[in-house]
C-alpha atoms as a PDB file:
ATOM      1  CA  MET A   1    -258.203  22.527  78.495  1.00  0.00           C
ATOM      2  CA  THR A   2    -262.000  22.102  78.491  1.00  0.00           C
ATOM      3  CA  SER A   3    -263.898  25.110  77.151  1.00  0.00           C
ATOM      4  CA  LEU A   4    -266.647  26.824  79.128  1.00  0.00           C
ATOM      5  CA  VAL A   5    -269.201  25.527  76.609  1.00  0.00           C
ATOM      6  CA  ASP A   6    -267.941  21.956  77.030  1.00  0.00           C
ATOM      7  CA  GLN A   7    -268.087  22.294  80.803  1.00  0.00           C
ATOM      8  CA  ALA A   8    -271.644  23.614  80.631  1.00  0.00           C
ATOM      9  CA  VAL A   9    -272.724  20.770  78.341  1.00  0.00           C
ATOM     10  CA  SER A  10    -271.140  18.217  80.691  1.00  0.00           C
ATOM     11  CA  LEU A  11    -272.783  19.713  83.784  1.00  0.00           C
ATOM     12  CA  THR A  12    -276.163  19.747  82.047  1.00  0.00           C
ATOM     13  CA  THR A  13    -275.734  16.192  80.783  1.00  0.00           C
ATOM     14  CA  ARG A  14    -274.872  14.866  84.222  1.00  0.00           C
ATOM     15  CA  ALA A  15    -277.749  16.767  85.822  1.00  0.00           C
ATOM     16  CA  LEU A  16    -280.169  15.266  83.308  1.00  0.00           C
ATOM     17  CA  ALA A  17    -278.684  11.809  83.954  1.00  0.00           C
ATOM     18  CA  ARG A  18    -279.322  12.217  87.693  1.00  0.00           C
ATOM     19  CA  LEU A  19    -282.781  13.723  87.496  1.00  0.00           C
ATOM     20  CA  THR A  20    -284.495  12.571  84.295  1.00  0.00           C
ATOM     21  CA  PRO A  21    -284.870   9.512  82.034  1.00  0.00           C
ATOM     22  CA  TRP A  22    -283.702  11.520  79.013  1.00  0.00           C
ATOM     23  CA  VAL A  23    -279.996  10.824  79.595  1.00  0.00           C
ATOM     24  CA  GLU A  24    -278.835   7.387  80.715  1.00  0.00           C
ATOM     25  CA  SER A  25    -277.578   7.338  84.286  1.00  0.00           C
ATOM     26  CA  GLU A  26    -274.541   5.265  83.251  1.00  0.00           C
ATOM     27  CA  VAL A  27    -273.022   8.500  81.903  1.00  0.00           C
ATOM     28  CA  LEU A  28    -272.328   9.330  85.552  1.00  0.00           C
ATOM     29  CA  GLY A  29    -270.110   6.261  85.884  1.00  0.00           C
ATOM     30  CA  LEU A  30    -267.756   7.054  83.007  1.00  0.00           C
ATOM     31  CA  SER A  31    -265.338   8.927  85.252  1.00  0.00           C
ATOM     32  CA  ALA A  32    -264.690   5.640  87.093  1.00  0.00           C
ATOM     33  CA  LEU A  33    -263.584   4.012  83.847  1.00  0.00           C
ATOM     34  CA  VAL A  34    -261.838   6.582  81.671  1.00  0.00           C
ATOM     35  CA  ARG A  35    -258.626   8.508  82.326  1.00  0.00           C
ATOM     36  CA  PRO A  36    -256.852  11.377  80.523  1.00  0.00           C
ATOM     37  CA  GLY A  37    -255.067  10.065  77.434  1.00  0.00           C
ATOM     38  CA  ASP A  38    -257.292   6.979  77.021  1.00  0.00           C
ATOM     39  CA  VAL A  39    -258.580   5.694  73.677  1.00  0.00           C
ATOM     40  CA  CYS A  40    -262.361   5.198  73.641  1.00  0.00           C
ATOM     41  CA  LEU A  41    -264.924   4.009  71.101  1.00  0.00           C
ATOM     42  CA  ASP A  42    -268.531   5.205  71.109  1.00  0.00           C
ATOM     43  CA  ILE A  43    -270.299   2.709  68.820  1.00  0.00           C
ATOM     44  CA  GLY A  44    -273.812   3.770  67.930  1.00  0.00           C
ATOM     45  CA  ALA A  45    -273.072   7.313  69.002  1.00  0.00           C
ATOM     46  CA  GLY A  46    -276.405   8.889  68.046  1.00  0.00           C
ATOM     47  CA  ALA A  47    -276.360  12.580  68.980  1.00  0.00           C
ATOM     48  CA  GLY A  48    -273.037  12.115  70.769  1.00  0.00           C
ATOM     49  CA  ILE A  49    -273.884  12.445  74.462  1.00  0.00           C
ATOM     50  CA  TYR A  50    -271.426   9.708  75.427  1.00  0.00           C
ATOM     51  CA  THR A  51    -268.911  11.036  72.899  1.00  0.00           C
ATOM     52  CA  ALA A  52    -268.910  14.486  74.503  1.00  0.00           C
ATOM     53  CA  GLU A  53    -268.509  13.174  78.038  1.00  0.00           C
ATOM     54  CA  LEU A  54    -265.748  10.757  77.005  1.00  0.00           C
ATOM     55  CA  ALA A  55    -263.935  13.565  75.196  1.00  0.00           C
ATOM     56  CA  ARG A  56    -264.023  15.664  78.358  1.00  0.00           C
ATOM     57  CA  LEU A  57    -262.544  12.796  80.361  1.00  0.00           C
ATOM     58  CA  VAL A  58    -259.756  11.781  77.963  1.00  0.00           C
ATOM     59  CA  GLY A  59    -258.701  15.373  77.291  1.00  0.00           C
ATOM     60  CA  PRO A  60    -256.785  16.566  74.223  1.00  0.00           C
ATOM     61  CA  GLY A  61    -254.202  13.807  74.674  1.00  0.00           C
ATOM     62  CA  GLY A  62    -256.779  11.044  74.279  1.00  0.00           C
ATOM     63  CA  GLN A  63    -258.939   9.773  71.440  1.00  0.00           C
ATOM     64  CA  VAL A  64    -262.687   9.277  71.153  1.00  0.00           C
ATOM     65  CA  HIS A  65    -263.875   7.550  67.986  1.00  0.00           C
ATOM     66  CA  SER A  66    -267.553   8.410  67.576  1.00  0.00           C
ATOM     67  CA  ILE A  67    -269.113   5.827  65.267  1.00  0.00           C
ATOM     68  CA  GLU A  68    -272.607   6.481  63.887  1.00  0.00           C
ATOM     69  CA  PRO A  69    -273.749   5.282  60.447  1.00  0.00           C
ATOM     70  CA  LEU A  70    -276.850   7.510  60.295  1.00  0.00           C
ATOM     71  CA  VAL A  71    -275.493  10.953  59.504  1.00  0.00           C
ATOM     72  CA  PHE A  72    -278.937  12.487  60.160  1.00  0.00           C
ATOM     73  CA  ALA A  73    -279.300  10.989  63.662  1.00  0.00           C
ATOM     74  CA  HIS A  74    -280.131  13.862  66.056  1.00  0.00           C
ATOM     75  CA  ARG A  75    -278.099  16.130  63.812  1.00  0.00           C
ATOM     76  CA  ALA A  76    -279.533  19.456  64.962  1.00  0.00           C
ATOM     77  CA  VAL A  77    -278.829  18.810  68.663  1.00  0.00           C
ATOM     78  CA  SER A  78    -275.436  17.302  67.922  1.00  0.00           C
ATOM     79  CA  GLU A  79    -274.357  20.266  65.799  1.00  0.00           C
ATOM     80  CA  LEU A  80    -275.818  22.902  68.111  1.00  0.00           C
ATOM     81  CA  LEU A  81    -273.967  21.545  71.161  1.00  0.00           C
ATOM     82  CA  ALA A  82    -270.895  20.338  69.232  1.00  0.00           C
ATOM     83  CA  LEU A  83    -271.275  16.930  70.880  1.00  0.00           C
ATOM     84  CA  ARG A  84    -269.220  15.085  68.250  1.00  0.00           C
ATOM     85  CA  ARG A  85    -266.539  17.706  67.751  1.00  0.00           C
ATOM     86  CA  GLY A  86    -263.372  18.603  69.617  1.00  0.00           C
ATOM     87  CA  PRO A  87    -259.626  17.951  69.629  1.00  0.00           C
ATOM     88  CA  ALA A  88    -260.013  14.366  70.877  1.00  0.00           C
ATOM     89  CA  VAL A  89    -263.015  13.402  68.723  1.00  0.00           C
ATOM     90  CA  ARG A  90    -263.052  11.728  65.355  1.00  0.00           C
ATOM     91  CA  ALA A  91    -266.457  10.952  63.793  1.00  0.00           C
ATOM     92  CA  HIS A  92    -266.989   7.924  61.532  1.00  0.00           C
ATOM     93  CA  ALA A  93    -270.054   7.358  59.304  1.00  0.00           C
ATOM     94  CA  LEU A  94    -270.102   3.556  59.262  1.00  0.00           C
ATOM     95  CA  ALA A  95    -271.387   0.567  61.222  1.00  0.00           C
ATOM     96  CA  LEU A  96    -269.172  -1.934  62.997  1.00  0.00           C
ATOM     97  CA  ALA A  97    -270.159  -5.535  62.360  1.00  0.00           C
ATOM     98  CA  GLU A  98    -268.772  -9.047  62.090  1.00  0.00           C
ATOM     99  CA  VAL A  99    -267.976  -8.610  58.386  1.00  0.00           C
ATOM    100  CA  THR A 100    -266.342  -5.729  56.501  1.00  0.00           C
ATOM    101  CA  GLY A 101    -268.454  -4.754  53.496  1.00  0.00           C
ATOM    102  CA  ARG A 102    -271.889  -3.193  53.112  1.00  0.00           C
ATOM    103  CA  SER A 103    -275.253  -3.733  54.776  1.00  0.00           C
ATOM    104  CA  HIS A 104    -278.546  -1.970  55.445  1.00  0.00           C
ATOM    105  CA  LEU A 105    -279.990  -0.283  58.509  1.00  0.00           C
ATOM    106  CA  SER A 106    -283.707  -0.607  59.138  1.00  0.00           C
ATOM    107  CA  VAL A 107    -284.803   2.808  60.449  1.00  0.00           C
ATOM    108  CA  PRO A 108    -288.315   2.931  61.933  1.00  0.00           C
ATOM    109  CA  LEU A 109    -290.793   5.742  61.435  1.00  0.00           C
ATOM    110  CA  ARG A 110    -293.364   7.030  63.883  1.00  0.00           C
ATOM    111  CA  GLY A 111    -295.608   9.120  61.679  1.00  0.00           C
ATOM    112  CA  PRO A 112    -293.256  11.264  59.569  1.00  0.00           C
ATOM    113  CA  ARG A 113    -290.430  11.133  62.121  1.00  0.00           C
ATOM    114  CA  PHE A 114    -287.375   8.874  62.012  1.00  0.00           C
ATOM    115  CA  VAL A 115    -286.734   7.006  65.274  1.00  0.00           C
ATOM    116  CA  THR A 116    -282.999   6.638  64.725  1.00  0.00           C
ATOM    117  CA  GLY A 117    -282.348   5.294  68.219  1.00  0.00           C
ATOM    118  CA  ARG A 118    -284.134   2.069  67.263  1.00  0.00           C
ATOM    119  CA  ALA A 119    -282.366   1.519  63.912  1.00  0.00           C
ATOM    120  CA  PHE A 120    -280.680  -1.863  63.485  1.00  0.00           C
ATOM    121  CA  LEU A 121    -278.477  -3.672  60.974  1.00  0.00           C
ATOM    122  CA  THR A 122    -280.592  -6.070  58.928  1.00  0.00           C
ATOM    123  CA  GLY A 123    -277.835  -8.602  58.218  1.00  0.00           C
ATOM    124  CA  GLY A 124    -278.478 -11.834  60.123  1.00  0.00           C
ATOM    125  CA  THR A 125    -282.025 -10.900  61.138  1.00  0.00           C
ATOM    126  CA  ALA A 126    -285.211 -12.760  60.249  1.00  0.00           C
ATOM    127  CA  ALA A 127    -287.826 -10.205  61.307  1.00  0.00           C
ATOM    128  CA  LEU A 128    -288.427  -6.731  62.702  1.00  0.00           C
ATOM    129  CA  GLY A 129    -288.892  -8.096  66.190  1.00  0.00           C
ATOM    130  CA  ALA A 130    -289.758  -5.350  68.678  1.00  0.00           C
ATOM    131  CA  ASN A 131    -289.736  -2.761  65.881  1.00  0.00           C
ATOM    132  CA  ARG A 132    -293.081  -4.078  64.633  1.00  0.00           C
ATOM    133  CA  GLU A 133    -294.615  -1.417  66.869  1.00  0.00           C
ATOM    134  CA  PHE A 134    -293.652   1.362  64.450  1.00  0.00           C
ATOM    135  CA  ASP A 135    -295.697   2.686  61.545  1.00  0.00           C
ATOM    136  CA  ALA A 136    -293.147   1.905  58.832  1.00  0.00           C
ATOM    137  CA  GLN A 137    -289.478   1.185  58.165  1.00  0.00           C
ATOM    138  CA  VAL A 138    -286.937   2.717  55.795  1.00  0.00           C
ATOM    139  CA  GLU A 139    -283.762   0.913  54.755  1.00  0.00           C
ATOM    140  CA  VAL A 140    -280.538   2.931  54.594  1.00  0.00           C
ATOM    141  CA  ARG A 141    -277.401   1.468  53.074  1.00  0.00           C
ATOM    142  CA  THR A 142    -274.217   1.696  55.131  1.00  0.00           C
ATOM    143  CA  PRO A 143    -270.598   0.554  54.932  1.00  0.00           C
ATOM    144  CA  THR A 144    -269.616  -1.957  57.607  1.00  0.00           C
ATOM    145  CA  GLU A 145    -266.223  -2.753  59.071  1.00  0.00           C
ATOM    146  CA  ARG A 146    -264.918  -5.301  61.537  1.00  0.00           C
ATOM    147  CA  LEU A 147    -263.710  -3.736  64.771  1.00  0.00           C
ATOM    148  CA  ASP A 148    -260.311  -5.399  64.352  1.00  0.00           C
ATOM    149  CA  ASP A 149    -260.018  -3.975  60.818  1.00  0.00           C
ATOM    150  CA  PHE A 150    -261.130  -0.545  62.051  1.00  0.00           C
ATOM    151  CA  ALA A 151    -258.496  -0.509  64.804  1.00  0.00           C
ATOM    152  CA  ALA A 152    -255.771  -1.705  62.436  1.00  0.00           C
ATOM    153  CA  ARG A 153    -256.689   0.807  59.711  1.00  0.00           C
ATOM    154  CA  LEU A 154    -256.460   3.704  62.154  1.00  0.00           C
ATOM    155  CA  GLY A 155    -253.367   2.356  63.882  1.00  0.00           C
ATOM    156  CA  LEU A 156    -255.048   2.610  67.260  1.00  0.00           C
ATOM    157  CA  PRO A 157    -252.879   2.044  70.302  1.00  0.00           C
ATOM    158  CA  ARG A 158    -254.444   0.177  73.209  1.00  0.00           C
ATOM    159  CA  VAL A 159    -258.221   0.692  73.388  1.00  0.00           C
ATOM    160  CA  HIS A 160    -259.319   1.310  76.971  1.00  0.00           C
ATOM    161  CA  PHE A 161    -263.089   1.694  76.762  1.00  0.00           C
ATOM    162  CA  VAL A 162    -265.855   0.662  74.345  1.00  0.00           C
ATOM    163  CA  LYS A 163    -269.497   1.699  74.538  1.00  0.00           C
ATOM    164  CA  ALA A 164    -271.832  -0.106  72.110  1.00  0.00           C
ATOM    165  CA  ASP A 165    -275.556   0.477  71.678  1.00  0.00           C
ATOM    166  CA  THR A 166    -276.531  -1.111  68.362  1.00  0.00           C
ATOM    167  CA  GLU A 167    -280.027  -2.495  69.028  1.00  0.00           C
ATOM    168  CA  GLY A 168    -279.118  -6.159  69.262  1.00  0.00           C
ATOM    169  CA  SER A 169    -276.019  -6.444  67.082  1.00  0.00           C
ATOM    170  CA  GLU A 170    -273.593  -5.775  69.948  1.00  0.00           C
ATOM    171  CA  TRP A 171    -272.367  -9.375  69.803  1.00  0.00           C
ATOM    172  CA  SER A 172    -271.669  -9.039  66.080  1.00  0.00           C
ATOM    173  CA  VAL A 173    -269.673  -5.875  66.801  1.00  0.00           C
ATOM    174  CA  LEU A 174    -267.566  -7.662  69.415  1.00  0.00           C
ATOM    175  CA  ARG A 175    -267.048 -10.843  67.398  1.00  0.00           C
ATOM    176  CA  GLY A 176    -265.558  -8.605  64.723  1.00  0.00           C
ATOM    177  CA  GLY A 177    -263.134  -7.358  67.385  1.00  0.00           C
ATOM    178  CA  ALA A 178    -262.152 -10.605  69.104  1.00  0.00           C
ATOM    179  CA  ASP A 179    -258.433  -9.923  68.622  1.00  0.00           C
ATOM    180  CA  LEU A 180    -258.785  -6.474  70.187  1.00  0.00           C
ATOM    181  CA  LEU A 181    -260.724  -7.891  73.147  1.00  0.00           C
ATOM    182  CA  GLY A 182    -258.110 -10.557  73.735  1.00  0.00           C
ATOM    183  CA  ARG A 183    -255.242  -8.072  73.484  1.00  0.00           C
ATOM    184  CA  ASP A 184    -256.539  -4.927  75.221  1.00  0.00           C
ATOM    185  CA  ARG A 185    -259.317  -6.152  77.540  1.00  0.00           C
ATOM    186  CA  PRO A 186    -261.126  -2.774  77.332  1.00  0.00           C
ATOM    187  CA  ALA A 187    -263.999  -2.007  79.662  1.00  0.00           C
ATOM    188  CA  LEU A 188    -267.238  -2.600  77.735  1.00  0.00           C
ATOM    189  CA  LEU A 189    -270.461  -0.679  78.318  1.00  0.00           C
ATOM    190  CA  LEU A 190    -273.106  -2.585  76.362  1.00  0.00           C
ATOM    191  CA  GLU A 191    -276.830  -2.432  75.910  1.00  0.00           C
ATOM    192  CA  VAL A 192    -278.073  -5.999  76.435  1.00  0.00           C
ATOM    193  CA  GLU A 193    -281.806  -6.297  75.777  1.00  0.00           C
ATOM    194  CA  PRO A 194    -283.347  -9.724  75.137  1.00  0.00           C
ATOM    195  CA  ARG A 195    -285.971  -8.276  72.759  1.00  0.00           C
ATOM    196  CA  HIS A 196    -283.276  -6.862  70.482  1.00  0.00           C
ATOM    197  CA  LEU A 197    -280.944  -9.864  70.692  1.00  0.00           C
ATOM    198  CA  ALA A 198    -283.881 -12.105  69.705  1.00  0.00           C
ATOM    199  CA  ARG A 199    -284.033 -10.336  66.347  1.00  0.00           C
ATOM    200  CA  TYR A 200    -280.667 -11.967  65.606  1.00  0.00           C
ATOM    201  CA  GLY A 201    -281.655 -15.358  67.029  1.00  0.00           C
ATOM    202  CA  LEU A 202    -279.601 -14.787  70.185  1.00  0.00           C
ATOM    203  CA  ALA A 203    -280.299 -15.121  73.899  1.00  0.00           C
ATOM    204  CA  PRO A 204    -278.509 -13.302  76.751  1.00  0.00           C
ATOM    205  CA  PRO A 205    -276.994 -16.436  78.399  1.00  0.00           C
ATOM    206  CA  GLU A 206    -275.147 -17.280  75.179  1.00  0.00           C
ATOM    207  CA  PHE A 207    -273.830 -13.718  74.873  1.00  0.00           C
ATOM    208  CA  LEU A 208    -272.747 -13.561  78.525  1.00  0.00           C
ATOM    209  CA  ALA A 209    -271.027 -16.936  78.284  1.00  0.00           C
ATOM    210  CA  TRP A 210    -269.038 -15.763  75.246  1.00  0.00           C
ATOM    211  CA  LEU A 211    -267.921 -12.627  77.085  1.00  0.00           C
ATOM    212  CA  GLY A 212    -267.006 -14.822  80.051  1.00  0.00           C
ATOM    213  CA  GLU A 213    -264.510 -16.674  77.863  1.00  0.00           C
ATOM    214  CA  PHE A 214    -262.533 -13.398  77.715  1.00  0.00           C
ATOM    215  CA  GLY A 215    -262.756 -13.014  81.490  1.00  0.00           C
ATOM    216  CA  TYR A 216    -265.537 -10.417  81.410  1.00  0.00           C
ATOM    217  CA  ARG A 217    -268.060 -10.154  84.231  1.00  0.00           C
ATOM    218  CA  PRO A 218    -271.099  -7.817  84.361  1.00  0.00           C
ATOM    219  CA  ARG A 219    -271.760  -4.812  86.575  1.00  0.00           C
ATOM    220  CA  VAL A 220    -274.578  -2.268  86.731  1.00  0.00           C
ATOM    221  CA  TRP A 221    -274.592   1.390  87.737  1.00  0.00           C
ATOM    222  CA  ARG A 222    -276.244   2.020  91.105  1.00  0.00           C
ATOM    223  CA  GLY A 223    -274.315   5.092  92.146  1.00  0.00           C
ATOM    224  CA  ALA A 224    -271.213   2.919  91.711  1.00  0.00           C
ATOM    225  CA  TRP A 225    -270.434  -0.010  89.414  1.00  0.00           C
ATOM    226  CA  GLN A 226    -271.758  -3.033  91.284  1.00  0.00           C
ATOM    227  CA  PRO A 227    -271.145  -6.659  90.224  1.00  0.00           C
ATOM    228  CA  VAL A 228    -274.221  -8.688  89.272  1.00  0.00           C
ATOM    229  CA  PRO A 229    -274.547 -12.409  88.425  1.00  0.00           C
ATOM    230  CA  GLY A 230    -276.331 -11.732  85.130  1.00  0.00           C
ATOM    231  CA  LEU A 231    -279.119  -9.609  83.697  1.00  0.00           C
ATOM    232  CA  VAL A 232    -281.248  -7.895  86.321  1.00  0.00           C
ATOM    233  CA  ASP A 233    -284.646  -6.206  86.200  1.00  0.00           C
ATOM    234  CA  GLY A 234    -284.626  -2.486  85.622  1.00  0.00           C
ATOM    235  CA  HIS A 235    -281.327  -2.413  83.716  1.00  0.00           C
ATOM    236  CA  ARG A 236    -280.515  -2.580  80.031  1.00  0.00           C
ATOM    237  CA  ASN A 237    -276.934  -1.226  80.122  1.00  0.00           C
ATOM    238  CA  TYR A 238    -274.172  -3.372  81.596  1.00  0.00           C
ATOM    239  CA  LEU A 239    -270.509  -2.725  82.211  1.00  0.00           C
ATOM    240  CA  PHE A 240    -268.303  -5.737  81.488  1.00  0.00           C
ATOM    241  CA  THR A 241    -264.815  -5.741  82.944  1.00  0.00           C
ATOM    242  CA  ALA A 242    -261.983  -8.239  82.941  1.00  0.00           C
ATOM    243  CA  GLY A 243    -259.788  -8.048  86.028  1.00  0.00           C
ATOM    244  CA  GLU A 244    -259.555  -4.810  87.979  1.00  0.00           C
ATOM    245  CA  ALA A 245    -260.989  -2.378  85.449  1.00  0.00           C
ATOM    246  CA  VAL A 246    -262.871  -0.343  88.051  1.00  0.00           C
ATOM    247  CA  ARG A 247    -261.209   1.768  90.711  1.00  0.00           C
ATOM    248  CA  PRO A 248    -261.944   1.041  94.400  1.00  0.00           C
ATOM    249  CA  GLY A 249    -265.373   2.392  95.339  1.00  0.00           C
ATOM    250  CA  GLY A 250    -266.483   2.117  91.730  1.00  0.00           C
ATOM    251  CA  ARG A 251    -263.440   3.734  90.118  1.00  0.00           C
ATOM    252  CA  ARG A 252    -260.827   2.179  87.913  1.00  0.00           C
END
């Protein structure tokens, strides 16, 4: 049963998603994708806003794996609101990538402040790309794991939903989980920004074509999950579904 604190956090989160740019509006569409008992992955969890909302939706019988390699990312807010805690939540301090091993995260600084939301894995990159705008960069070492290895190590049953916001390495995350994609066909909520993909020498058409090989097609949140032919102006987050992953009227 959801606690009063959890309910208050969820109501506040959804209000902010409706009325402000501080919380992504796609949070409002999670209830169309996630059911009680589901297994969800929040990759690049940050403070844990998506983690908390997913945990509310899956309930104590579900699982939410909250994956964030930067243990100091928005820590005060996350701890104060218990965004990455609860009976369904398991937090993981690692990065998912195409190769299991170790890598570095480039974390930008604006003055003395870390901008953890723009941190990216340096493996496979040639330059800072859009992060040249920041004052400086700090490299933080992190363990990496393939998504398929991660799922096997934890003995995960079917994965129903994956959210990934990794500043351009989303394709690397998914290529490390190709077996899981082929087996489970989870709904995927991905940030797809050309400026971040370019850091890895990638372009959106190539990424979308690869997802299409698994049967995935894009949608955007406009009060409901609406199909789109490709990337569209004004959106950076895209839901990819294979088959009927969304309920009638925007719900699965």
